[in-house]
């Protein structure tokens, strides 16, 4: 996963984001990211931006897995 914000996140927001290594809903952090690619589609070459924006990103040579980190 990766996300872009229009401003620098605070230390508290970063702690919330990385708490436990598996973020939940990050749309409320600092007004929400401008793009949030979750990379959980499991196939294909065009990742979906959770924020609803067209990113123009293409995935090439990916290996998909159903293993979820714990």
C-alpha atoms as a PDB file:
ATOM      1  CA  UNK A   1       0.000   0.000   0.000  1.00  0.00           C
ATOM      2  CA  UNK A   2       0.989   3.582  -0.462  1.00  0.00           C
ATOM      3  CA  UNK A   3      -0.690   6.939  -0.002  1.00  0.00           C
ATOM      4  CA  UNK A   4       0.045  10.576  -0.751  1.00  0.00           C
ATOM      5  CA  UNK A   5      -0.974  13.511   1.435  1.00  0.00           C
ATOM      6  CA  UNK A   6      -0.925  17.174   0.404  1.00  0.00           C
ATOM      7  CA  UNK A   7       1.004  18.041   3.582  1.00  0.00           C
ATOM      8  CA  UNK A   8       3.450  16.542   6.045  1.00  0.00           C
ATOM      9  CA  UNK A   9       1.832  14.249   8.627  1.00  0.00           C
ATOM     10  CA  UNK A  10       2.380  14.892  12.330  1.00  0.00           C
ATOM     11  CA  UNK A  11       4.178  12.412  14.583  1.00  0.00           C
ATOM     12  CA  UNK A  12       0.817  11.448  16.123  1.00  0.00           C
ATOM     13  CA  UNK A  13      -0.684  10.808  12.673  1.00  0.00           C
ATOM     14  CA  UNK A  14       2.309   8.667  11.678  1.00  0.00           C
ATOM     15  CA  UNK A  15       1.930   6.661  14.894  1.00  0.00           C
ATOM     16  CA  UNK A  16      -1.753   6.100  14.080  1.00  0.00           C
ATOM     17  CA  UNK A  17      -0.889   5.160  10.497  1.00  0.00           C
ATOM     18  CA  UNK A  18       1.765   2.600  11.411  1.00  0.00           C
ATOM     19  CA  UNK A  19       0.281   1.321  14.668  1.00  0.00           C
ATOM     20  CA  UNK A  20       0.638  -2.446  14.482  1.00  0.00           C
ATOM     21  CA  UNK A  21       1.910  -2.263  10.886  1.00  0.00           C
ATOM     22  CA  UNK A  22      -1.545  -2.629   9.357  1.00  0.00           C
ATOM     23  CA  UNK A  23      -3.442   0.636   8.875  1.00  0.00           C
ATOM     24  CA  UNK A  24      -7.206   0.753   8.951  1.00  0.00           C
ATOM     25  CA  UNK A  25      -9.180   3.638   7.471  1.00  0.00           C
ATOM     26  CA  UNK A  26      -6.671   6.424   6.839  1.00  0.00           C
ATOM     27  CA  UNK A  27      -9.079   8.765   5.064  1.00  0.00           C
ATOM     28  CA  UNK A  28      -9.470  10.973   8.165  1.00  0.00           C
ATOM     29  CA  UNK A  29      -5.747  11.475   8.843  1.00  0.00           C
ATOM     30  CA  UNK A  30      -4.835  15.084   8.126  1.00  0.00           C
ATOM     31  CA  UNK A  31      -7.871  15.561   5.894  1.00  0.00           C
ATOM     32  CA  UNK A  32      -7.238  12.346   3.991  1.00  0.00           C
ATOM     33  CA  UNK A  33      -4.684  11.370   1.389  1.00  0.00           C
ATOM     34  CA  UNK A  34      -4.929  12.664  -2.165  1.00  0.00           C
ATOM     35  CA  UNK A  35      -4.304   9.086  -3.374  1.00  0.00           C
ATOM     36  CA  UNK A  36      -4.409   5.749  -1.530  1.00  0.00           C
ATOM     37  CA  UNK A  37      -3.412   2.670  -3.483  1.00  0.00           C
ATOM     38  CA  UNK A  38      -4.273  -0.410  -1.429  1.00  0.00           C
ATOM     39  CA  UNK A  39      -2.808  -2.975  -3.856  1.00  0.00           C
ATOM     40  CA  UNK A  40      -5.284  -5.635  -2.796  1.00  0.00           C
ATOM     41  CA  UNK A  41      -6.976  -6.245  -6.120  1.00  0.00           C
ATOM     42  CA  UNK A  42      -5.226  -9.609  -6.475  1.00  0.00           C
ATOM     43  CA  UNK A  43      -4.845  -9.387 -10.241  1.00  0.00           C
ATOM     44  CA  UNK A  44      -4.500  -7.022 -13.142  1.00  0.00           C
ATOM     45  CA  UNK A  45      -2.268  -4.102 -13.971  1.00  0.00           C
ATOM     46  CA  UNK A  46      -4.274  -1.038 -12.877  1.00  0.00           C
ATOM     47  CA  UNK A  47      -4.436  -0.500  -9.104  1.00  0.00           C
ATOM     48  CA  UNK A  48      -7.542   1.178  -7.708  1.00  0.00           C
ATOM     49  CA  UNK A  49      -7.165   4.476  -5.862  1.00  0.00           C
ATOM     50  CA  UNK A  50      -9.387   4.179  -2.789  1.00  0.00           C
ATOM     51  CA  UNK A  51      -9.868   7.966  -2.856  1.00  0.00           C
ATOM     52  CA  UNK A  52     -11.522   7.716  -6.290  1.00  0.00           C
ATOM     53  CA  UNK A  53      -8.842   9.496  -8.313  1.00  0.00           C
ATOM     54  CA  UNK A  54      -7.393   8.360 -11.634  1.00  0.00           C
ATOM     55  CA  UNK A  55      -3.698   7.766 -10.940  1.00  0.00           C
ATOM     56  CA  UNK A  56      -2.330   6.518 -14.248  1.00  0.00           C
ATOM     57  CA  UNK A  57      -0.280   3.925 -12.327  1.00  0.00           C
ATOM     58  CA  UNK A  58       0.430   0.589 -14.007  1.00  0.00           C
ATOM     59  CA  UNK A  59       1.595  -2.557 -12.191  1.00  0.00           C
ATOM     60  CA  UNK A  60       4.120  -4.612 -14.117  1.00  0.00           C
ATOM     61  CA  UNK A  61       5.506  -8.035 -13.143  1.00  0.00           C
ATOM     62  CA  UNK A  62       3.578  -8.355  -9.872  1.00  0.00           C
ATOM     63  CA  UNK A  63       3.175 -11.591  -7.948  1.00  0.00           C
ATOM     64  CA  UNK A  64      -0.070 -11.579  -5.976  1.00  0.00           C
ATOM     65  CA  UNK A  65      -0.559 -13.391  -2.680  1.00  0.00           C
ATOM     66  CA  UNK A  66      -3.540 -13.976  -0.398  1.00  0.00           C
ATOM     67  CA  UNK A  67      -1.316 -14.101   2.700  1.00  0.00           C
ATOM     68  CA  UNK A  68      -2.332 -11.412   5.196  1.00  0.00           C
ATOM     69  CA  UNK A  69       0.307 -10.141   7.668  1.00  0.00           C
ATOM     70  CA  UNK A  70      -0.522 -10.709  11.323  1.00  0.00           C
END
